[in-house]
Amino acid sequence: MTNGIDTGNSSSAFYAGVQGYNQGVEQVKQAAVDLSSANNPNRENPININQSAVELISGNLQAEASANVIKTADGMLGTIIDTFA
């Protein structure tokens, strides 16, 4: 706590946003790989194209939402720094 303001919430929000963004990106990557190899006859497990498309979209939305969390946490931290600088 600095000068009566808990700065831990903004940093934990920032790290949660980064983690969520990374998870969303990985989900998008995996869905893209699945979709690109869906017609491969040598693939062991068949791909559900609909499920992969949903995973692609939801991963993209997760990355976008997490990017907004990062922006908000960054803005909060900037405001705290400006207030006490």
PDB file of N, CA and C in Angstrom:
ATOM      1  N   MET A   1       0.854  -1.164   0.000  1.00  0.00           N
ATOM      2  CA  MET A   1       0.000   0.000   0.000  1.00  0.00           C
ATOM      3  C   MET A   1       0.901   1.227   0.000  1.00  0.00           C
ATOM      4  N   THR A   2       0.633   2.163  -0.889  1.00  0.00           N
ATOM      5  CA  THR A   2       1.433   3.373  -1.005  1.00  0.00           C
ATOM      6  C   THR A   2       0.545   4.577  -0.762  1.00  0.00           C
ATOM      7  N   ASN A   3       0.884   5.367   0.261  1.00  0.00           N
ATOM      8  CA  ASN A   3       0.116   6.574   0.583  1.00  0.00           C
ATOM      9  C   ASN A   3      -1.381   6.300   0.698  1.00  0.00           C
ATOM     10  N   GLY A   4      -1.737   5.159   1.269  1.00  0.00           N
ATOM     11  CA  GLY A   4      -3.140   4.845   1.474  1.00  0.00           C
ATOM     12  C   GLY A   4      -3.836   4.239   0.264  1.00  0.00           C
ATOM     13  N   ILE A   5      -3.116   4.037  -0.842  1.00  0.00           N
ATOM     14  CA  ILE A   5      -3.726   3.455  -2.042  1.00  0.00           C
ATOM     15  C   ILE A   5      -3.084   2.111  -2.314  1.00  0.00           C
ATOM     16  N   ASP A   6      -3.915   1.099  -2.477  1.00  0.00           N
ATOM     17  CA  ASP A   6      -3.423  -0.249  -2.747  1.00  0.00           C
ATOM     18  C   ASP A   6      -3.121  -0.371  -4.237  1.00  0.00           C
ATOM     19  N   THR A   7      -1.839  -0.383  -4.599  1.00  0.00           N
ATOM     20  CA  THR A   7      -1.445  -0.502  -6.005  1.00  0.00           C
ATOM     21  C   THR A   7      -1.387  -1.953  -6.451  1.00  0.00           C
ATOM     22  N   GLY A   8      -1.578  -2.887  -5.526  1.00  0.00           N
ATOM     23  CA  GLY A   8      -1.528  -4.307  -5.882  1.00  0.00           C
ATOM     24  C   GLY A   8      -2.639  -4.718  -6.820  1.00  0.00           C
ATOM     25  N   ASN A   9      -3.810  -4.088  -6.710  1.00  0.00           N
ATOM     26  CA  ASN A   9      -4.929  -4.461  -7.569  1.00  0.00           C
ATOM     27  C   ASN A   9      -4.655  -4.158  -9.030  1.00  0.00           C
ATOM     28  N   SER A  10      -4.018  -3.036  -9.320  1.00  0.00           N
ATOM     29  CA  SER A  10      -3.753  -2.702 -10.712  1.00  0.00           C
ATOM     30  C   SER A  10      -2.688  -3.610 -11.297  1.00  0.00           C
ATOM     31  N   SER A  11      -1.682  -3.974 -10.491  1.00  0.00           N
ATOM     32  CA  SER A  11      -0.648  -4.855 -11.027  1.00  0.00           C
ATOM     33  C   SER A  11      -1.177  -6.270 -11.194  1.00  0.00           C
ATOM     34  N   SER A  12      -2.012  -6.735 -10.260  1.00  0.00           N
ATOM     35  CA  SER A  12      -2.560  -8.075 -10.426  1.00  0.00           C
ATOM     36  C   SER A  12      -3.545  -8.113 -11.593  1.00  0.00           C
ATOM     37  N   ALA A  13      -4.256  -7.025 -11.817  1.00  0.00           N
ATOM     38  CA  ALA A  13      -5.139  -6.953 -12.981  1.00  0.00           C
ATOM     39  C   ALA A  13      -4.314  -6.986 -14.262  1.00  0.00           C
ATOM     40  N   PHE A  14      -3.179  -6.297 -14.243  1.00  0.00           N
ATOM     41  CA  PHE A  14      -2.292  -6.289 -15.411  1.00  0.00           C
ATOM     42  C   PHE A  14      -1.800  -7.704 -15.723  1.00  0.00           C
ATOM     43  N   TYR A  15      -1.315  -8.395 -14.689  1.00  0.00           N
ATOM     44  CA  TYR A  15      -0.799  -9.749 -14.902  1.00  0.00           C
ATOM     45  C   TYR A  15      -1.907 -10.726 -15.297  1.00  0.00           C
ATOM     46  N   ALA A  16      -3.091 -10.562 -14.741  1.00  0.00           N
ATOM     47  CA  ALA A  16      -4.220 -11.398 -15.141  1.00  0.00           C
ATOM     48  C   ALA A  16      -4.572 -11.148 -16.604  1.00  0.00           C
ATOM     49  N   GLY A  17      -4.493  -9.891 -17.026  1.00  0.00           N
ATOM     50  CA  GLY A  17      -4.747  -9.566 -18.425  1.00  0.00           C
ATOM     51  C   GLY A  17      -3.718 -10.185 -19.354  1.00  0.00           C
ATOM     52  N   VAL A  18      -2.455 -10.132 -18.941  1.00  0.00           N
ATOM     53  CA  VAL A  18      -1.395 -10.734 -19.755  1.00  0.00           C
ATOM     54  C   VAL A  18      -1.587 -12.242 -19.854  1.00  0.00           C
ATOM     55  N   GLN A  19      -1.907 -12.871 -18.737  1.00  0.00           N
ATOM     56  CA  GLN A  19      -2.125 -14.316 -18.735  1.00  0.00           C
ATOM     57  C   GLN A  19      -3.321 -14.682 -19.613  1.00  0.00           C
ATOM     58  N   GLY A  20      -4.409 -13.946 -19.492  1.00  0.00           N
ATOM     59  CA  GLY A  20      -5.583 -14.201 -20.324  1.00  0.00           C
ATOM     60  C   GLY A  20      -5.297 -13.990 -21.793  1.00  0.00           C
ATOM     61  N   TYR A  21      -4.514 -12.954 -22.094  1.00  0.00           N
ATOM     62  CA  TYR A  21      -4.144 -12.691 -23.493  1.00  0.00           C
ATOM     63  C   TYR A  21      -3.325 -13.849 -24.052  1.00  0.00           C
ATOM     64  N   ASN A  22      -2.342 -14.309 -23.290  1.00  0.00           N
ATOM     65  CA  ASN A  22      -1.516 -15.419 -23.750  1.00  0.00           C
ATOM     66  C   ASN A  22      -2.334 -16.690 -23.957  1.00  0.00           C
ATOM     67  N   GLN A  23      -3.270 -16.948 -23.068  1.00  0.00           N
ATOM     68  CA  GLN A  23      -4.138 -18.119 -23.223  1.00  0.00           C
ATOM     69  C   GLN A  23      -5.008 -17.998 -24.471  1.00  0.00           C
ATOM     70  N   GLY A  24      -5.523 -16.804 -24.712  1.00  0.00           N
ATOM     71  CA  GLY A  24      -6.334 -16.588 -25.908  1.00  0.00           C
ATOM     72  C   GLY A  24      -5.532 -16.788 -27.181  1.00  0.00           C
ATOM     73  N   VAL A  25      -4.306 -16.291 -27.194  1.00  0.00           N
ATOM     74  CA  VAL A  25      -3.438 -16.453 -28.368  1.00  0.00           C
ATOM     75  C   VAL A  25      -3.134 -17.925 -28.604  1.00  0.00           C
ATOM     76  N   GLU A  26      -2.837 -18.662 -27.538  1.00  0.00           N
ATOM     77  CA  GLU A  26      -2.559 -20.094 -27.691  1.00  0.00           C
ATOM     78  C   GLU A  26      -3.784 -20.844 -28.204  1.00  0.00           C
ATOM     79  N   GLN A  27      -4.959 -20.458 -27.735  1.00  0.00           N
ATOM     80  CA  GLN A  27      -6.192 -21.088 -28.196  1.00  0.00           C
ATOM     81  C   GLN A  27      -6.414 -20.819 -29.679  1.00  0.00           C
ATOM     82  N   VAL A  28      -6.152 -19.594 -30.106  1.00  0.00           N
ATOM     83  CA  VAL A  28      -6.280 -19.241 -31.521  1.00  0.00           C
ATOM     84  C   VAL A  28      -5.283 -20.039 -32.357  1.00  0.00           C
ATOM     85  N   LYS A  29      -4.052 -20.129 -31.880  1.00  0.00           N
ATOM     86  CA  LYS A  29      -3.031 -20.893 -32.613  1.00  0.00           C
ATOM     87  C   LYS A  29      -3.442 -22.342 -32.786  1.00  0.00           C
ATOM     88  N   GLN A  30      -3.900 -22.974 -31.698  1.00  0.00           N
ATOM     89  CA  GLN A  30      -4.291 -24.376 -31.773  1.00  0.00           C
ATOM     90  C   GLN A  30      -5.483 -24.575 -32.703  1.00  0.00           C
ATOM     91  N   ALA A  31      -6.455 -23.701 -32.619  1.00  0.00           N
ATOM     92  CA  ALA A  31      -7.629 -23.807 -33.493  1.00  0.00           C
ATOM     93  C   ALA A  31      -7.226 -23.620 -34.950  1.00  0.00           C
ATOM     94  N   ALA A  32      -6.302 -22.705 -35.213  1.00  0.00           N
ATOM     95  CA  ALA A  32      -5.837 -22.483 -36.587  1.00  0.00           C
ATOM     96  C   ALA A  32      -5.107 -23.707 -37.118  1.00  0.00           C
ATOM     97  N   VAL A  33      -4.298 -24.335 -36.279  1.00  0.00           N
ATOM     98  CA  VAL A  33      -3.602 -25.561 -36.699  1.00  0.00           C
ATOM     99  C   VAL A  33      -4.617 -26.663 -36.989  1.00  0.00           C
ATOM    100  N   ASP A  34      -5.596 -26.807 -36.106  1.00  0.00           N
ATOM    101  CA  ASP A  34      -6.628 -27.827 -36.311  1.00  0.00           C
ATOM    102  C   ASP A  34      -7.391 -27.589 -37.611  1.00  0.00           C
ATOM    103  N   LEU A  35      -7.779 -26.344 -37.846  1.00  0.00           N
ATOM    104  CA  LEU A  35      -8.527 -26.030 -39.064  1.00  0.00           C
ATOM    105  C   LEU A  35      -7.686 -26.235 -40.313  1.00  0.00           C
ATOM    106  N   SER A  36      -6.412 -25.895 -40.231  1.00  0.00           N
ATOM    107  CA  SER A  36      -5.564 -26.036 -41.420  1.00  0.00           C
ATOM    108  C   SER A  36      -5.266 -27.496 -41.749  1.00  0.00           C
ATOM    109  N   SER A  37      -5.346 -28.369 -40.749  1.00  0.00           N
ATOM    110  CA  SER A  37      -5.059 -29.780 -41.011  1.00  0.00           C
ATOM    111  C   SER A  37      -6.318 -30.638 -41.026  1.00  0.00           C
ATOM    112  N   ALA A  38      -7.470 -30.017 -41.086  1.00  0.00           N
ATOM    113  CA  ALA A  38      -8.731 -30.762 -41.017  1.00  0.00           C
ATOM    114  C   ALA A  38      -8.910 -31.721 -42.189  1.00  0.00           C
ATOM    115  N   ASN A  39      -8.398 -31.369 -43.356  1.00  0.00           N
ATOM    116  CA  ASN A  39      -8.563 -32.223 -44.539  1.00  0.00           C
ATOM    117  C   ASN A  39      -7.402 -33.185 -44.761  1.00  0.00           C
ATOM    118  N   ASN A  40      -6.493 -33.259 -43.803  1.00  0.00           N
ATOM    119  CA  ASN A  40      -5.345 -34.150 -43.926  1.00  0.00           C
ATOM    120  C   ASN A  40      -5.793 -35.593 -43.686  1.00  0.00           C
ATOM    121  N   PRO A  41      -5.707 -36.452 -44.710  1.00  0.00           N
ATOM    122  CA  PRO A  41      -6.161 -37.835 -44.538  1.00  0.00           C
ATOM    123  C   PRO A  41      -5.253 -38.652 -43.610  1.00  0.00           C
ATOM    124  N   ASN A  42      -4.047 -38.199 -43.369  1.00  0.00           N
ATOM    125  CA  ASN A  42      -3.116 -38.926 -42.511  1.00  0.00           C
ATOM    126  C   ASN A  42      -3.260 -38.571 -41.030  1.00  0.00           C
ATOM    127  N   ARG A  43      -4.166 -37.677 -40.709  1.00  0.00           N
ATOM    128  CA  ARG A  43      -4.361 -37.257 -39.324  1.00  0.00           C
ATOM    129  C   ARG A  43      -5.023 -38.389 -38.539  1.00  0.00           C
ATOM    130  N   GLU A  44      -4.507 -38.633 -37.331  1.00  0.00           N
ATOM    131  CA  GLU A  44      -5.022 -39.734 -36.509  1.00  0.00           C
ATOM    132  C   GLU A  44      -6.438 -39.488 -36.016  1.00  0.00           C
ATOM    133  N   ASN A  45      -6.677 -38.304 -35.475  1.00  0.00           N
ATOM    134  CA  ASN A  45      -7.987 -37.969 -34.929  1.00  0.00           C
ATOM    135  C   ASN A  45      -8.697 -36.996 -35.857  1.00  0.00           C
ATOM    136  N   PRO A  46      -9.947 -37.283 -36.210  1.00  0.00           N
ATOM    137  CA  PRO A  46     -10.673 -36.342 -37.071  1.00  0.00           C
ATOM    138  C   PRO A  46     -10.947 -35.027 -36.331  1.00  0.00           C
ATOM    139  N   ILE A  47     -10.987 -33.956 -37.084  1.00  0.00           N
ATOM    140  CA  ILE A  47     -11.206 -32.617 -36.529  1.00  0.00           C
ATOM    141  C   ILE A  47     -12.669 -32.232 -36.706  1.00  0.00           C
ATOM    142  N   ASN A  48     -13.273 -31.722 -35.653  1.00  0.00           N
ATOM    143  CA  ASN A  48     -14.609 -31.157 -35.737  1.00  0.00           C
ATOM    144  C   ASN A  48     -14.429 -29.694 -36.150  1.00  0.00           C
ATOM    145  N   ILE A  49     -14.715 -29.405 -37.403  1.00  0.00           N
ATOM    146  CA  ILE A  49     -14.478 -28.058 -37.939  1.00  0.00           C
ATOM    147  C   ILE A  49     -15.300 -27.013 -37.199  1.00  0.00           C
ATOM    148  N   ASN A  50     -16.533 -27.343 -36.875  1.00  0.00           N
ATOM    149  CA  ASN A  50     -17.372 -26.381 -36.148  1.00  0.00           C
ATOM    150  C   ASN A  50     -16.783 -26.042 -34.785  1.00  0.00           C
ATOM    151  N   GLN A  51     -16.334 -27.063 -34.068  1.00  0.00           N
ATOM    152  CA  GLN A  51     -15.744 -26.834 -32.752  1.00  0.00           C
ATOM    153  C   GLN A  51     -14.461 -26.015 -32.867  1.00  0.00           C
ATOM    154  N   SER A  52     -13.645 -26.305 -33.864  1.00  0.00           N
ATOM    155  CA  SER A  52     -12.405 -25.548 -34.053  1.00  0.00           C
ATOM    156  C   SER A  52     -12.689 -24.094 -34.405  1.00  0.00           C
ATOM    157  N   ALA A  53     -13.737 -23.858 -35.190  1.00  0.00           N
ATOM    158  CA  ALA A  53     -14.112 -22.484 -35.536  1.00  0.00           C
ATOM    159  C   ALA A  53     -14.585 -21.725 -34.297  1.00  0.00           C
ATOM    160  N   VAL A  54     -15.352 -22.395 -33.449  1.00  0.00           N
ATOM    161  CA  VAL A  54     -15.804 -21.773 -32.200  1.00  0.00           C
ATOM    162  C   VAL A  54     -14.606 -21.471 -31.301  1.00  0.00           C
ATOM    163  N   GLU A  55     -13.658 -22.399 -31.218  1.00  0.00           N
ATOM    164  CA  GLU A  55     -12.443 -22.183 -30.418  1.00  0.00           C
ATOM    165  C   GLU A  55     -11.635 -21.007 -30.963  1.00  0.00           C
ATOM    166  N   LEU A  56     -11.577 -20.883 -32.265  1.00  0.00           N
ATOM    167  CA  LEU A  56     -10.859 -19.770 -32.888  1.00  0.00           C
ATOM    168  C   LEU A  56     -11.493 -18.432 -32.505  1.00  0.00           C
ATOM    169  N   ILE A  57     -12.798 -18.357 -32.608  1.00  0.00           N
ATOM    170  CA  ILE A  57     -13.504 -17.114 -32.289  1.00  0.00           C
ATOM    171  C   ILE A  57     -13.425 -16.807 -30.796  1.00  0.00           C
ATOM    172  N   SER A  58     -13.626 -17.815 -29.950  1.00  0.00           N
ATOM    173  CA  SER A  58     -13.599 -17.555 -28.508  1.00  0.00           C
ATOM    174  C   SER A  58     -12.191 -17.192 -28.037  1.00  0.00           C
ATOM    175  N   GLY A  59     -11.169 -17.788 -28.631  1.00  0.00           N
ATOM    176  CA  GLY A  59      -9.799 -17.409 -28.291  1.00  0.00           C
ATOM    177  C   GLY A  59      -9.506 -15.976 -28.689  1.00  0.00           C
ATOM    178  N   ASN A  60     -10.024 -15.585 -29.846  1.00  0.00           N
ATOM    179  CA  ASN A  60      -9.851 -14.205 -30.305  1.00  0.00           C
ATOM    180  C   ASN A  60     -10.550 -13.226 -29.360  1.00  0.00           C
ATOM    181  N   LEU A  61     -11.761 -13.561 -28.957  1.00  0.00           N
ATOM    182  CA  LEU A  61     -12.498 -12.695 -28.029  1.00  0.00           C
ATOM    183  C   LEU A  61     -11.803 -12.623 -26.673  1.00  0.00           C
ATOM    184  N   GLN A  62     -11.251 -13.737 -26.207  1.00  0.00           N
ATOM    185  CA  GLN A  62     -10.531 -13.737 -24.942  1.00  0.00           C
ATOM    186  C   GLN A  62      -9.305 -12.835 -25.028  1.00  0.00           C
ATOM    187  N   ALA A  63      -8.578 -12.925 -26.137  1.00  0.00           N
ATOM    188  CA  ALA A  63      -7.389 -12.078 -26.309  1.00  0.00           C
ATOM    189  C   ALA A  63      -7.783 -10.600 -26.348  1.00  0.00           C
ATOM    190  N   GLU A  64      -8.862 -10.274 -27.047  1.00  0.00           N
ATOM    191  CA  GLU A  64      -9.319  -8.882 -27.114  1.00  0.00           C
ATOM    192  C   GLU A  64      -9.751  -8.366 -25.745  1.00  0.00           C
ATOM    193  N   ALA A  65     -10.517  -9.175 -25.014  1.00  0.00           N
ATOM    194  CA  ALA A  65     -10.978  -8.753 -23.690  1.00  0.00           C
ATOM    195  C   ALA A  65      -9.794  -8.575 -22.740  1.00  0.00           C
ATOM    196  N   SER A  66      -8.843  -9.479 -22.815  1.00  0.00           N
ATOM    197  CA  SER A  66      -7.667  -9.381 -21.957  1.00  0.00           C
ATOM    198  C   SER A  66      -6.814  -8.172 -22.314  1.00  0.00           C
ATOM    199  N   ALA A  67      -6.746  -7.830 -23.588  1.00  0.00           N
ATOM    200  CA  ALA A  67      -6.021  -6.629 -23.997  1.00  0.00           C
ATOM    201  C   ALA A  67      -6.682  -5.392 -23.400  1.00  0.00           C
ATOM    202  N   ASN A  68      -8.001  -5.396 -23.323  1.00  0.00           N
ATOM    203  CA  ASN A  68      -8.705  -4.272 -22.694  1.00  0.00           C
ATOM    204  C   ASN A  68      -8.419  -4.206 -21.194  1.00  0.00           C
ATOM    205  N   VAL A  69      -8.298  -5.356 -20.547  1.00  0.00           N
ATOM    206  CA  VAL A  69      -7.936  -5.383 -19.125  1.00  0.00           C
ATOM    207  C   VAL A  69      -6.541  -4.785 -18.941  1.00  0.00           C
ATOM    208  N   ILE A  70      -5.610  -5.165 -19.825  1.00  0.00           N
ATOM    209  CA  ILE A  70      -4.240  -4.632 -19.750  1.00  0.00           C
ATOM    210  C   ILE A  70      -4.250  -3.117 -19.928  1.00  0.00           C
ATOM    211  N   LYS A  71      -4.999  -2.630 -20.905  1.00  0.00           N
ATOM    212  CA  LYS A  71      -5.078  -1.181 -21.139  1.00  0.00           C
ATOM    213  C   LYS A  71      -5.647  -0.452 -19.933  1.00  0.00           C
ATOM    214  N   THR A  72      -6.688  -1.008 -19.336  1.00  0.00           N
ATOM    215  CA  THR A  72      -7.312  -0.387 -18.176  1.00  0.00           C
ATOM    216  C   THR A  72      -6.361  -0.375 -16.980  1.00  0.00           C
ATOM    217  N   ALA A  73      -5.704  -1.506 -16.730  1.00  0.00           N
ATOM    218  CA  ALA A  73      -4.748  -1.574 -15.620  1.00  0.00           C
ATOM    219  C   ALA A  73      -3.594  -0.608 -15.848  1.00  0.00           C
ATOM    220  N   ASP A  74      -3.147  -0.492 -17.081  1.00  0.00           N
ATOM    221  CA  ASP A  74      -2.069   0.445 -17.407  1.00  0.00           C
ATOM    222  C   ASP A  74      -2.524   1.882 -17.143  1.00  0.00           C
ATOM    223  N   GLY A  75      -3.744   2.194 -17.528  1.00  0.00           N
ATOM    224  CA  GLY A  75      -4.282   3.529 -17.280  1.00  0.00           C
ATOM    225  C   GLY A  75      -4.419   3.827 -15.801  1.00  0.00           C
ATOM    226  N   MET A  76      -4.867   2.826 -15.038  1.00  0.00           N
ATOM    227  CA  MET A  76      -4.990   3.009 -13.591  1.00  0.00           C
ATOM    228  C   MET A  76      -3.625   3.252 -12.959  1.00  0.00           C
ATOM    229  N   LEU A  77      -2.653   2.471 -13.363  1.00  0.00           N
ATOM    230  CA  LEU A  77      -1.307   2.628 -12.820  1.00  0.00           C
ATOM    231  C   LEU A  77      -0.724   3.985 -13.195  1.00  0.00           C
ATOM    232  N   GLY A  78      -0.968   4.420 -14.437  1.00  0.00           N
ATOM    233  CA  GLY A  78      -0.513   5.744 -14.858  1.00  0.00           C
ATOM    234  C   GLY A  78      -1.147   6.842 -14.048  1.00  0.00           C
ATOM    235  N   THR A  79      -2.425   6.706 -13.745  1.00  0.00           N
ATOM    236  CA  THR A  79      -3.115   7.706 -12.933  1.00  0.00           C
ATOM    237  C   THR A  79      -2.546   7.737 -11.520  1.00  0.00           C
ATOM    238  N   ILE A  80      -2.268   6.573 -10.961  1.00  0.00           N
ATOM    239  CA  ILE A  80      -1.691   6.513  -9.612  1.00  0.00           C
ATOM    240  C   ILE A  80      -0.319   7.184  -9.606  1.00  0.00           C
ATOM    241  N   ILE A  81       0.476   6.885 -10.613  1.00  0.00           N
ATOM    242  CA  ILE A  81       1.816   7.480 -10.681  1.00  0.00           C
ATOM    243  C   ILE A  81       1.719   8.986 -10.841  1.00  0.00           C
ATOM    244  N   ASP A  82       0.814   9.450 -11.720  1.00  0.00           N
ATOM    245  CA  ASP A  82       0.648  10.899 -11.919  1.00  0.00           C
ATOM    246  C   ASP A  82       0.167  11.592 -10.645  1.00  0.00           C
ATOM    247  N   THR A  83      -0.685  10.903  -9.901  1.00  0.00           N
ATOM    248  CA  THR A  83      -1.232  11.493  -8.680  1.00  0.00           C
ATOM    249  C   THR A  83      -0.144  11.707  -7.631  1.00  0.00           C
ATOM    250  N   PHE A  84       0.756  10.763  -7.517  1.00  0.00           N
ATOM    251  CA  PHE A  84       1.760  10.825  -6.460  1.00  0.00           C
ATOM    252  C   PHE A  84       3.133  11.299  -6.946  1.00  0.00           C
ATOM    253  N   ALA A  85       3.269  11.664  -8.200  1.00  0.00           N
ATOM    254  CA  ALA A  85       4.567  12.121  -8.711  1.00  0.00           C
ATOM    255  C   ALA A  85       4.777  13.585  -8.443  1.00  0.00           C
TER     256      ALA A  85
END
